Amino acid sequence: GSSPAYVYMFIEALADGAVAEGMPRAQAYKFAAQAVLGSAKM
């Protein structure tokens, strides 16, 4: 019920790490979200 909020925080943190290395933020969110989606499907 509440865990989507935790997952969104994780996605945001993953993206922040990539942005710190120079990746554009929109692209970082896409990479992070797709990684979470793919892992859940696995």
Full PDB file with SEQRES, HELIX, SHEET, SSBOND, CRYST1, ORIGX, SCALE, CONECT and MASTER records, all heavy atoms in Angstrom:
SEQRES   1 A   42  GLY SER SER PRO ALA TYR VAL TYR MET PHE ILE GLU ALA          
SEQRES   2 A   42  LEU ALA ASP GLY ALA VAL ALA GLU GLY MET PRO ARG ALA          
SEQRES   3 A   42  GLN ALA TYR LYS PHE ALA ALA GLN ALA VAL LEU GLY SER          
SEQRES   4 A   42  ALA LYS MET                                                  
HELIX    1 AA1 SER A    3  ALA A   20  1                                  18    
HELIX    2 AA2 ARG A   25  LYS A   41  1                                  17    
CRYST1    1.000    1.000    1.000  90.00  90.00  90.00 P 1           1          
ORIGX1      1.000000  0.000000  0.000000        0.00000                         
ORIGX2      0.000000  1.000000  0.000000        0.00000                         
ORIGX3      0.000000  0.000000  1.000000        0.00000                         
SCALE1      1.000000  0.000000  0.000000        0.00000                         
SCALE2      0.000000  1.000000  0.000000        0.00000                         
SCALE3      0.000000  0.000000  1.000000        0.00000                         
ATOM      1  N   GLY A   1       0.805  -1.214   0.000  1.00  0.00           N  
ATOM      2  CA  GLY A   1       0.000   0.000   0.000  1.00  0.00           C  
ATOM      3  C   GLY A   1       0.838   1.263   0.000  1.00  0.00           C  
ATOM      4  O   GLY A   1       0.600   2.193  -0.780  1.00  0.00           O  
ATOM      5  N   SER A   2       1.843   1.311   0.871  1.00  0.00           N  
ATOM      6  CA  SER A   2       2.702   2.489   0.985  1.00  0.00           C  
ATOM      7  C   SER A   2       4.028   2.356   0.251  1.00  0.00           C  
ATOM      8  O   SER A   2       4.700   3.361  -0.006  1.00  0.00           O  
ATOM      9  CB  SER A   2       2.996   2.771   2.469  1.00  0.00           C  
ATOM     10  OG  SER A   2       1.821   3.072   3.172  1.00  0.00           O  
ATOM     11  N   SER A   3       4.412   1.135  -0.097  1.00  0.00           N  
ATOM     12  CA  SER A   3       5.765   0.919  -0.623  1.00  0.00           C  
ATOM     13  C   SER A   3       6.074   1.580  -1.956  1.00  0.00           C  
ATOM     14  O   SER A   3       7.251   1.809  -2.247  1.00  0.00           O  
ATOM     15  CB  SER A   3       6.070  -0.583  -0.715  1.00  0.00           C  
ATOM     16  OG  SER A   3       5.255  -1.225  -1.664  1.00  0.00           O  
ATOM     17  N   PRO A   4       5.071   1.912  -2.807  1.00  0.00           N  
ATOM     18  CA  PRO A   4       5.464   2.683  -3.991  1.00  0.00           C  
ATOM     19  C   PRO A   4       6.261   3.937  -3.642  1.00  0.00           C  
ATOM     20  O   PRO A   4       7.182   4.310  -4.371  1.00  0.00           O  
ATOM     21  CB  PRO A   4       4.109   3.021  -4.640  1.00  0.00           C  
ATOM     22  CG  PRO A   4       3.262   1.843  -4.312  1.00  0.00           C  
ATOM     23  CD  PRO A   4       3.648   1.500  -2.892  1.00  0.00           C  
ATOM     24  N   ALA A   5       5.957   4.570  -2.501  1.00  0.00           N  
ATOM     25  CA  ALA A   5       6.722   5.757  -2.093  1.00  0.00           C  
ATOM     26  C   ALA A   5       8.171   5.409  -1.839  1.00  0.00           C  
ATOM     27  O   ALA A   5       9.084   6.168  -2.219  1.00  0.00           O  
ATOM     28  CB  ALA A   5       6.100   6.387  -0.849  1.00  0.00           C  
ATOM     29  N   TYR A   6       8.422   4.246  -1.195  1.00  0.00           N  
ATOM     30  CA  TYR A   6       9.816   3.854  -0.937  1.00  0.00           C  
ATOM     31  C   TYR A   6      10.541   3.609  -2.266  1.00  0.00           C  
ATOM     32  O   TYR A   6      11.716   3.954  -2.431  1.00  0.00           O  
ATOM     33  CB  TYR A   6       9.951   2.578  -0.114  1.00  0.00           C  
ATOM     34  CG  TYR A   6       8.912   2.231   0.919  1.00  0.00           C  
ATOM     35  CD1 TYR A   6       8.708   0.896   1.263  1.00  0.00           C  
ATOM     36  CD2 TYR A   6       8.158   3.201   1.566  1.00  0.00           C  
ATOM     37  CE1 TYR A   6       7.767   0.535   2.211  1.00  0.00           C  
ATOM     38  CE2 TYR A   6       7.212   2.846   2.527  1.00  0.00           C  
ATOM     39  CZ  TYR A   6       7.016   1.519   2.830  1.00  0.00           C  
ATOM     40  OH  TYR A   6       6.081   1.147   3.754  1.00  0.00           O  
ATOM     41  N   VAL A   7       9.827   2.958  -3.186  1.00  0.00           N  
ATOM     42  CA  VAL A   7      10.433   2.633  -4.480  1.00  0.00           C  
ATOM     43  C   VAL A   7      10.747   3.904  -5.263  1.00  0.00           C  
ATOM     44  O   VAL A   7      11.799   4.010  -5.905  1.00  0.00           O  
ATOM     45  CB  VAL A   7       9.517   1.692  -5.289  1.00  0.00           C  
ATOM     46  CG1 VAL A   7      10.111   1.424  -6.675  1.00  0.00           C  
ATOM     47  CG2 VAL A   7       9.305   0.372  -4.548  1.00  0.00           C  
ATOM     48  N   TYR A   8       9.828   4.888  -5.195  1.00  0.00           N  
ATOM     49  CA  TYR A   8      10.098   6.145  -5.884  1.00  0.00           C  
ATOM     50  C   TYR A   8      11.339   6.837  -5.308  1.00  0.00           C  
ATOM     51  O   TYR A   8      12.131   7.433  -6.046  1.00  0.00           O  
ATOM     52  CB  TYR A   8       8.893   7.095  -5.776  1.00  0.00           C  
ATOM     53  CG  TYR A   8       7.624   6.546  -6.369  1.00  0.00           C  
ATOM     54  CD1 TYR A   8       6.391   6.809  -5.776  1.00  0.00           C  
ATOM     55  CD2 TYR A   8       7.628   5.762  -7.525  1.00  0.00           C  
ATOM     56  CE1 TYR A   8       5.213   6.299  -6.308  1.00  0.00           C  
ATOM     57  CE2 TYR A   8       6.458   5.244  -8.059  1.00  0.00           C  
ATOM     58  CZ  TYR A   8       5.252   5.519  -7.443  1.00  0.00           C  
ATOM     59  OH  TYR A   8       4.085   5.022  -7.958  1.00  0.00           O  
ATOM     60  N   MET A   9      11.508   6.737  -3.984  1.00  0.00           N  
ATOM     61  CA  MET A   9      12.706   7.308  -3.361  1.00  0.00           C  
ATOM     62  C   MET A   9      13.965   6.594  -3.854  1.00  0.00           C  
ATOM     63  O   MET A   9      14.998   7.236  -4.107  1.00  0.00           O  
ATOM     64  CB  MET A   9      12.604   7.206  -1.841  1.00  0.00           C  
ATOM     65  CG  MET A   9      11.552   8.112  -1.223  1.00  0.00           C  
ATOM     66  SD  MET A   9      11.380   7.840   0.567  1.00  0.00           S  
ATOM     67  CE  MET A   9      12.949   8.497   1.149  1.00  0.00           C  
ATOM     68  N   PHE A  10      13.878   5.270  -3.997  1.00  0.00           N  
ATOM     69  CA  PHE A  10      15.017   4.491  -4.492  1.00  0.00           C  
ATOM     70  C   PHE A  10      15.357   4.889  -5.927  1.00  0.00           C  
ATOM     71  O   PHE A  10      16.526   5.097  -6.271  1.00  0.00           O  
ATOM     72  CB  PHE A  10      14.684   3.000  -4.402  1.00  0.00           C  
ATOM     73  CG  PHE A  10      15.759   2.090  -4.914  1.00  0.00           C  
ATOM     74  CD1 PHE A  10      17.052   2.143  -4.395  1.00  0.00           C  
ATOM     75  CD2 PHE A  10      15.494   1.155  -5.909  1.00  0.00           C  
ATOM     76  CE1 PHE A  10      18.051   1.301  -4.856  1.00  0.00           C  
ATOM     77  CE2 PHE A  10      16.484   0.308  -6.382  1.00  0.00           C  
ATOM     78  CZ  PHE A  10      17.765   0.379  -5.861  1.00  0.00           C  
ATOM     79  N   ILE A  11      14.313   5.029  -6.762  1.00  0.00           N  
ATOM     80  CA  ILE A  11      14.531   5.445  -8.157  1.00  0.00           C  
ATOM     81  C   ILE A  11      15.165   6.833  -8.204  1.00  0.00           C  
ATOM     82  O   ILE A  11      16.102   7.085  -8.971  1.00  0.00           O  
ATOM     83  CB  ILE A  11      13.198   5.423  -8.934  1.00  0.00           C  
ATOM     84  CG1 ILE A  11      12.745   3.973  -9.156  1.00  0.00           C  
ATOM     85  CG2 ILE A  11      13.327   6.161 -10.269  1.00  0.00           C  
ATOM     86  CD1 ILE A  11      11.342   3.842  -9.709  1.00  0.00           C  
ATOM     87  N   GLU A  12      14.680   7.728  -7.356  1.00  0.00           N  
ATOM     88  CA  GLU A  12      15.230   9.078  -7.326  1.00  0.00           C  
ATOM     89  C   GLU A  12      16.695   9.064  -6.895  1.00  0.00           C  
ATOM     90  O   GLU A  12      17.537   9.773  -7.473  1.00  0.00           O  
ATOM     91  CB  GLU A  12      14.405   9.947  -6.380  1.00  0.00           C  
ATOM     92  CG  GLU A  12      14.819  11.408  -6.380  1.00  0.00           C  
ATOM     93  CD  GLU A  12      13.962  12.258  -5.457  1.00  0.00           C  
ATOM     94  OE1 GLU A  12      13.492  11.734  -4.419  1.00  0.00           O  
ATOM     95  OE2 GLU A  12      13.778  13.444  -5.767  1.00  0.00           O  
ATOM     96  N   ALA A  13      17.003   8.240  -5.894  1.00  0.00           N  
ATOM     97  CA  ALA A  13      18.387   8.152  -5.422  1.00  0.00           C  
ATOM     98  C   ALA A  13      19.298   7.559  -6.497  1.00  0.00           C  
ATOM     99  O   ALA A  13      20.424   8.037  -6.700  1.00  0.00           O  
ATOM    100  CB  ALA A  13      18.454   7.309  -4.148  1.00  0.00           C  
ATOM    101  N   LEU A  14      18.827   6.510  -7.179  1.00  0.00           N  
ATOM    102  CA  LEU A  14      19.609   5.936  -8.283  1.00  0.00           C  
ATOM    103  C   LEU A  14      19.901   6.998  -9.341  1.00  0.00           C  
ATOM    104  O   LEU A  14      21.029   7.111  -9.839  1.00  0.00           O  
ATOM    105  CB  LEU A  14      18.845   4.776  -8.928  1.00  0.00           C  
ATOM    106  CG  LEU A  14      18.847   3.418  -8.239  1.00  0.00           C  
ATOM    107  CD1 LEU A  14      17.948   2.451  -9.009  1.00  0.00           C  
ATOM    108  CD2 LEU A  14      20.258   2.851  -8.139  1.00  0.00           C  
ATOM    109  N   ALA A  15      18.860   7.765  -9.683  1.00  0.00           N  
ATOM    110  CA  ALA A  15      19.039   8.808 -10.691  1.00  0.00           C  
ATOM    111  C   ALA A  15      20.012   9.881 -10.216  1.00  0.00           C  
ATOM    112  O   ALA A  15      20.862  10.349 -10.986  1.00  0.00           O  
ATOM    113  CB  ALA A  15      17.684   9.433 -11.034  1.00  0.00           C  
ATOM    114  N   ASP A  16      19.915  10.260  -8.944  1.00  0.00           N  
ATOM    115  CA  ASP A  16      20.825  11.273  -8.417  1.00  0.00           C  
ATOM    116  C   ASP A  16      22.282  10.840  -8.555  1.00  0.00           C  
ATOM    117  O   ASP A  16      23.166  11.647  -8.884  1.00  0.00           O  
ATOM    118  CB  ASP A  16      20.519  11.544  -6.940  1.00  0.00           C  
ATOM    119  CG  ASP A  16      19.277  12.401  -6.733  1.00  0.00           C  
ATOM    120  OD1 ASP A  16      18.792  12.988  -7.716  1.00  0.00           O  
ATOM    121  OD2 ASP A  16      18.791  12.467  -5.582  1.00  0.00           O  
ATOM    122  N   GLY A  17      22.534   9.555  -8.294  1.00  0.00           N  
ATOM    123  CA  GLY A  17      23.901   9.054  -8.424  1.00  0.00           C  
ATOM    124  C   GLY A  17      24.430   9.187  -9.841  1.00  0.00           C  
ATOM    125  O   GLY A  17      25.607   9.526 -10.052  1.00  0.00           O  
ATOM    126  N   ALA A  18      23.546   8.914 -10.830  1.00  0.00           N  
ATOM    127  CA  ALA A  18      23.972   9.034 -12.227  1.00  0.00           C  
ATOM    128  C   ALA A  18      24.115  10.496 -12.640  1.00  0.00           C  
ATOM    129  O   ALA A  18      25.031  10.859 -13.388  1.00  0.00           O  
ATOM    130  CB  ALA A  18      22.971   8.318 -13.136  1.00  0.00           C  
ATOM    131  N   VAL A  19      23.210  11.345 -12.139  1.00  0.00           N  
ATOM    132  CA  VAL A  19      23.299  12.782 -12.437  1.00  0.00           C  
ATOM    133  C   VAL A  19      24.602  13.352 -11.894  1.00  0.00           C  
ATOM    134  O   VAL A  19      25.253  14.197 -12.533  1.00  0.00           O  
ATOM    135  CB  VAL A  19      22.079  13.526 -11.852  1.00  0.00           C  
ATOM    136  CG1 VAL A  19      22.272  15.051 -11.933  1.00  0.00           C  
ATOM    137  CG2 VAL A  19      20.811  13.130 -12.599  1.00  0.00           C  
ATOM    138  N   ALA A  20      25.032  12.866 -10.738  1.00  0.00           N  
ATOM    139  CA  ALA A  20      26.297  13.321 -10.153  1.00  0.00           C  
ATOM    140  C   ALA A  20      27.483  12.982 -11.042  1.00  0.00           C  
ATOM    141  O   ALA A  20      28.523  13.654 -10.981  1.00  0.00           O  
ATOM    142  CB  ALA A  20      26.495  12.695  -8.773  1.00  0.00           C  
ATOM    143  N   GLU A  21      27.309  11.964 -11.879  1.00  0.00           N  
ATOM    144  CA  GLU A  21      28.372  11.563 -12.813  1.00  0.00           C  
ATOM    145  C   GLU A  21      28.205  12.173 -14.201  1.00  0.00           C  
ATOM    146  O   GLU A  21      28.936  11.830 -15.127  1.00  0.00           O  
ATOM    147  CB  GLU A  21      28.410  10.034 -12.921  1.00  0.00           C  
ATOM    148  CG  GLU A  21      28.842   9.333 -11.648  1.00  0.00           C  
ATOM    149  CD  GLU A  21      30.268   9.682 -11.258  1.00  0.00           C  
ATOM    150  OE1 GLU A  21      31.131   9.813 -12.155  1.00  0.00           O  
ATOM    151  OE2 GLU A  21      30.516   9.864 -10.048  1.00  0.00           O  
ATOM    152  N   GLY A  22      27.187  13.061 -14.352  1.00  0.00           N  
ATOM    153  CA  GLY A  22      27.041  13.792 -15.608  1.00  0.00           C  
ATOM    154  C   GLY A  22      25.886  13.364 -16.489  1.00  0.00           C  
ATOM    155  O   GLY A  22      25.676  13.951 -17.555  1.00  0.00           O  
ATOM    156  N   MET A  23      25.098  12.349 -16.103  1.00  0.00           N  
ATOM    157  CA  MET A  23      23.969  11.918 -16.933  1.00  0.00           C  
ATOM    158  C   MET A  23      22.821  12.925 -16.805  1.00  0.00           C  
ATOM    159  O   MET A  23      22.505  13.367 -15.703  1.00  0.00           O  
ATOM    160  CB  MET A  23      23.489  10.526 -16.513  1.00  0.00           C  
ATOM    161  CG  MET A  23      22.333   9.991 -17.367  1.00  0.00           C  
ATOM    162  SD  MET A  23      21.807   8.308 -16.907  1.00  0.00           S  
ATOM    163  CE  MET A  23      23.128   7.339 -17.677  1.00  0.00           C  
ATOM    164  N   PRO A  24      22.174  13.306 -17.917  1.00  0.00           N  
ATOM    165  CA  PRO A  24      21.007  14.195 -17.832  1.00  0.00           C  
ATOM    166  C   PRO A  24      19.912  13.578 -16.967  1.00  0.00           C  
ATOM    167  O   PRO A  24      19.690  12.360 -17.012  1.00  0.00           O  
ATOM    168  CB  PRO A  24      20.553  14.320 -19.294  1.00  0.00           C  
ATOM    169  CG  PRO A  24      21.768  14.014 -20.102  1.00  0.00           C  
ATOM    170  CD  PRO A  24      22.537  12.985 -19.306  1.00  0.00           C  
ATOM    171  N   ARG A  25      19.210  14.402 -16.192  1.00  0.00           N  
ATOM    172  CA  ARG A  25      18.270  13.866 -15.211  1.00  0.00           C  
ATOM    173  C   ARG A  25      17.153  13.053 -15.838  1.00  0.00           C  
ATOM    174  O   ARG A  25      16.788  11.988 -15.339  1.00  0.00           O  
ATOM    175  CB  ARG A  25      17.685  15.003 -14.361  1.00  0.00           C  
ATOM    176  CG  ARG A  25      16.735  14.502 -13.277  1.00  0.00           C  
ATOM    177  CD  ARG A  25      16.535  15.510 -12.176  1.00  0.00           C  
ATOM    178  NE  ARG A  25      17.720  15.713 -11.367  1.00  0.00           N  
ATOM    179  CZ  ARG A  25      18.110  14.906 -10.378  1.00  0.00           C  
ATOM    180  NH1 ARG A  25      17.415  13.817 -10.106  1.00  0.00           N  
ATOM    181  NH2 ARG A  25      19.193  15.174  -9.689  1.00  0.00           N  
ATOM    182  N   ALA A  26      16.554  13.524 -16.925  1.00  0.00           N  
ATOM    183  CA  ALA A  26      15.458  12.784 -17.551  1.00  0.00           C  
ATOM    184  C   ALA A  26      15.921  11.396 -17.976  1.00  0.00           C  
ATOM    185  O   ALA A  26      15.199  10.400 -17.810  1.00  0.00           O  
ATOM    186  CB  ALA A  26      14.905  13.556 -18.741  1.00  0.00           C  
ATOM    187  N   GLN A  27      17.117  11.330 -18.518  1.00  0.00           N  
ATOM    188  CA  GLN A  27      17.669  10.047 -18.936  1.00  0.00           C  
ATOM    189  C   GLN A  27      17.971   9.159 -17.720  1.00  0.00           C  
ATOM    190  O   GLN A  27      17.722   7.948 -17.736  1.00  0.00           O  
ATOM    191  CB  GLN A  27      18.942  10.275 -19.749  1.00  0.00           C  
ATOM    192  CG  GLN A  27      19.488   9.017 -20.414  1.00  0.00           C  
ATOM    193  CD  GLN A  27      20.690   9.307 -21.282  1.00  0.00           C  
ATOM    194  OE1 GLN A  27      21.626  10.008 -20.854  1.00  0.00           O  
ATOM    195  NE2 GLN A  27      20.679   8.802 -22.504  1.00  0.00           N  
ATOM    196  N   ALA A  28      18.454   9.775 -16.655  1.00  0.00           N  
ATOM    197  CA  ALA A  28      18.761   9.024 -15.440  1.00  0.00           C  
ATOM    198  C   ALA A  28      17.496   8.397 -14.854  1.00  0.00           C  
ATOM    199  O   ALA A  28      17.498   7.239 -14.415  1.00  0.00           O  
ATOM    200  CB  ALA A  28      19.424   9.938 -14.415  1.00  0.00           C  
ATOM    201  N   TYR A  29      16.390   9.150 -14.828  1.00  0.00           N  
ATOM    202  CA  TYR A  29      15.131   8.590 -14.329  1.00  0.00           C  
ATOM    203  C   TYR A  29      14.679   7.408 -15.179  1.00  0.00           C  
ATOM    204  O   TYR A  29      14.167   6.415 -14.662  1.00  0.00           O  
ATOM    205  CB  TYR A  29      14.037   9.663 -14.302  1.00  0.00           C  
ATOM    206  CG  TYR A  29      14.137  10.617 -13.142  1.00  0.00           C  
ATOM    207  CD1 TYR A  29      13.900  11.980 -13.316  1.00  0.00           C  
ATOM    208  CD2 TYR A  29      14.446  10.172 -11.861  1.00  0.00           C  
ATOM    209  CE1 TYR A  29      13.986  12.871 -12.252  1.00  0.00           C  
ATOM    210  CE2 TYR A  29      14.539  11.045 -10.786  1.00  0.00           C  
ATOM    211  CZ  TYR A  29      14.307  12.396 -10.991  1.00  0.00           C  
ATOM    212  OH  TYR A  29      14.396  13.266  -9.932  1.00  0.00           O  
ATOM    213  N   LYS A  30      14.864   7.516 -16.488  1.00  0.00           N  
ATOM    214  CA  LYS A  30      14.449   6.427 -17.380  1.00  0.00           C  
ATOM    215  C   LYS A  30      15.277   5.173 -17.120  1.00  0.00           C  
ATOM    216  O   LYS A  30      14.729   4.056 -17.023  1.00  0.00           O  
ATOM    217  CB  LYS A  30      14.588   6.869 -18.841  1.00  0.00           C  
ATOM    218  CG  LYS A  30      14.065   5.844 -19.836  1.00  0.00           C  
ATOM    219  CD  LYS A  30      14.080   6.407 -21.248  1.00  0.00           C  
ATOM    220  CE  LYS A  30      13.474   5.418 -22.246  1.00  0.00           C  
ATOM    221  NZ  LYS A  30      13.451   5.984 -23.624  1.00  0.00           N  
ATOM    222  N   PHE A  31      16.571   5.326 -16.999  1.00  0.00           N  
ATOM    223  CA  PHE A  31      17.439   4.176 -16.722  1.00  0.00           C  
ATOM    224  C   PHE A  31      17.078   3.538 -15.381  1.00  0.00           C  
ATOM    225  O   PHE A  31      16.973   2.311 -15.266  1.00  0.00           O  
ATOM    226  CB  PHE A  31      18.911   4.610 -16.720  1.00  0.00           C  
ATOM    227  CG  PHE A  31      19.581   4.532 -18.066  1.00  0.00           C  
ATOM    228  CD1 PHE A  31      19.491   5.585 -18.961  1.00  0.00           C  
ATOM    229  CD2 PHE A  31      20.289   3.405 -18.444  1.00  0.00           C  
ATOM    230  CE1 PHE A  31      20.100   5.526 -20.206  1.00  0.00           C  
ATOM    231  CE2 PHE A  31      20.899   3.324 -19.679  1.00  0.00           C  
ATOM    232  CZ  PHE A  31      20.810   4.386 -20.567  1.00  0.00           C  
ATOM    233  N   ALA A  32      16.905   4.368 -14.363  1.00  0.00           N  
ATOM    234  CA  ALA A  32      16.624   3.850 -13.024  1.00  0.00           C  
ATOM    235  C   ALA A  32      15.267   3.158 -12.964  1.00  0.00           C  
ATOM    236  O   ALA A  32      15.138   2.049 -12.429  1.00  0.00           O  
ATOM    237  CB  ALA A  32      16.673   4.993 -12.008  1.00  0.00           C  
ATOM    238  N   ALA A  33      14.243   3.797 -13.530  1.00  0.00           N  
ATOM    239  CA  ALA A  33      12.892   3.227 -13.480  1.00  0.00           C  
ATOM    240  C   ALA A  33      12.819   1.919 -14.261  1.00  0.00           C  
ATOM    241  O   ALA A  33      12.186   0.951 -13.825  1.00  0.00           O  
ATOM    242  CB  ALA A  33      11.880   4.229 -14.015  1.00  0.00           C  
ATOM    243  N   GLN A  34      13.475   1.875 -15.428  1.00  0.00           N  
ATOM    244  CA  GLN A  34      13.448   0.650 -16.223  1.00  0.00           C  
ATOM    245  C   GLN A  34      14.195  -0.479 -15.519  1.00  0.00           C  
ATOM    246  O   GLN A  34      13.790  -1.646 -15.588  1.00  0.00           O  
ATOM    247  CB  GLN A  34      14.048   0.896 -17.611  1.00  0.00           C  
ATOM    248  CG  GLN A  34      14.012  -0.321 -18.538  1.00  0.00           C  
ATOM    249  CD  GLN A  34      12.611  -0.831 -18.810  1.00  0.00           C  
ATOM    250  OE1 GLN A  34      11.678  -0.041 -18.918  1.00  0.00           O  
ATOM    251  NE2 GLN A  34      12.458  -2.145 -18.940  1.00  0.00           N  
ATOM    252  N   ALA A  35      15.268  -0.152 -14.818  1.00  0.00           N  
ATOM    253  CA  ALA A  35      15.999  -1.170 -14.063  1.00  0.00           C  
ATOM    254  C   ALA A  35      15.118  -1.774 -12.971  1.00  0.00           C  
ATOM    255  O   ALA A  35      15.117  -2.991 -12.743  1.00  0.00           O  
ATOM    256  CB  ALA A  35      17.268  -0.572 -13.459  1.00  0.00           C  
ATOM    257  N   VAL A  36      14.340  -0.920 -12.276  1.00  0.00           N  
ATOM    258  CA  VAL A  36      13.438  -1.406 -11.234  1.00  0.00           C  
ATOM    259  C   VAL A  36      12.311  -2.241 -11.841  1.00  0.00           C  
ATOM    260  O   VAL A  36      11.977  -3.318 -11.333  1.00  0.00           O  
ATOM    261  CB  VAL A  36      12.869  -0.218 -10.424  1.00  0.00           C  
ATOM    262  CG1 VAL A  36      11.754  -0.676  -9.490  1.00  0.00           C  
ATOM    263  CG2 VAL A  36      13.978   0.450  -9.626  1.00  0.00           C  
ATOM    264  N   LEU A  37      11.736  -1.749 -12.939  1.00  0.00           N  
ATOM    265  CA  LEU A  37      10.663  -2.490 -13.616  1.00  0.00           C  
ATOM    266  C   LEU A  37      11.147  -3.861 -14.080  1.00  0.00           C  
ATOM    267  O   LEU A  37      10.500  -4.891 -13.845  1.00  0.00           O  
ATOM    268  CB  LEU A  37      10.152  -1.679 -14.810  1.00  0.00           C  
ATOM    269  CG  LEU A  37       9.122  -2.376 -15.719  1.00  0.00           C  
ATOM    270  CD1 LEU A  37       7.846  -2.693 -14.952  1.00  0.00           C  
ATOM    271  CD2 LEU A  37       8.813  -1.508 -16.932  1.00  0.00           C  
ATOM    272  N   GLY A  38      12.299  -3.891 -14.737  1.00  0.00           N  
ATOM    273  CA  GLY A  38      12.836  -5.154 -15.241  1.00  0.00           C  
ATOM    274  C   GLY A  38      13.181  -6.125 -14.135  1.00  0.00           C  
ATOM    275  O   GLY A  38      12.918  -7.334 -14.240  1.00  0.00           O  
ATOM    276  N   SER A  39      13.733  -5.611 -13.051  1.00  0.00           N  
ATOM    277  CA  SER A  39      14.089  -6.471 -11.922  1.00  0.00           C  
ATOM    278  C   SER A  39      12.839  -7.078 -11.280  1.00  0.00           C  
ATOM    279  O   SER A  39      12.815  -8.260 -10.920  1.00  0.00           O  
ATOM    280  CB  SER A  39      14.869  -5.667 -10.878  1.00  0.00           C  
ATOM    281  OG  SER A  39      16.044  -5.123 -11.448  1.00  0.00           O  
ATOM    282  N   ALA A  40      11.782  -6.272 -11.140  1.00  0.00           N  
ATOM    283  CA  ALA A  40      10.531  -6.768 -10.573  1.00  0.00           C  
ATOM    284  C   ALA A  40       9.930  -7.855 -11.465  1.00  0.00           C  
ATOM    285  O   ALA A  40       9.435  -8.885 -10.976  1.00  0.00           O  
ATOM    286  CB  ALA A  40       9.545  -5.620 -10.391  1.00  0.00           C  
ATOM    287  N   LYS A  41       9.982  -7.653 -12.775  1.00  0.00           N  
ATOM    288  CA  LYS A  41       9.462  -8.667 -13.696  1.00  0.00           C  
ATOM    289  C   LYS A  41      10.259  -9.960 -13.607  1.00  0.00           C  
ATOM    290  O   LYS A  41       9.701 -11.058 -13.733  1.00  0.00           O  
ATOM    291  CB  LYS A  41       9.475  -8.143 -15.138  1.00  0.00           C  
ATOM    292  CG  LYS A  41       8.422  -7.086 -15.420  1.00  0.00           C  
ATOM    293  CD  LYS A  41       8.267  -6.826 -16.918  1.00  0.00           C  
ATOM    294  CE  LYS A  41       7.581  -8.003 -17.605  1.00  0.00           C  
ATOM    295  NZ  LYS A  41       7.274  -7.705 -19.022  1.00  0.00           N  
ATOM    296  N   MET A  42      11.555  -9.851 -13.391  1.00  0.00           N  
ATOM    297  CA  MET A  42      12.380 -11.051 -13.224  1.00  0.00           C  
ATOM    298  C   MET A  42      11.919 -11.868 -12.025  1.00  0.00           C  
ATOM    299  O   MET A  42      11.815 -13.098 -12.082  1.00  0.00           O  
ATOM    300  CB  MET A  42      13.843 -10.666 -13.064  1.00  0.00           C  
ATOM    301  CG  MET A  42      14.513 -10.184 -14.332  1.00  0.00           C  
ATOM    302  SD  MET A  42      14.953 -11.536 -15.456  1.00  0.00           S  
ATOM    303  CE  MET A  42      16.383 -12.231 -14.611  1.00  0.00           C  
TER     304      MET A  42                                                      
MASTER        0    0    0    2    0    0    0    6  303    1    0    4          
END                                                                             
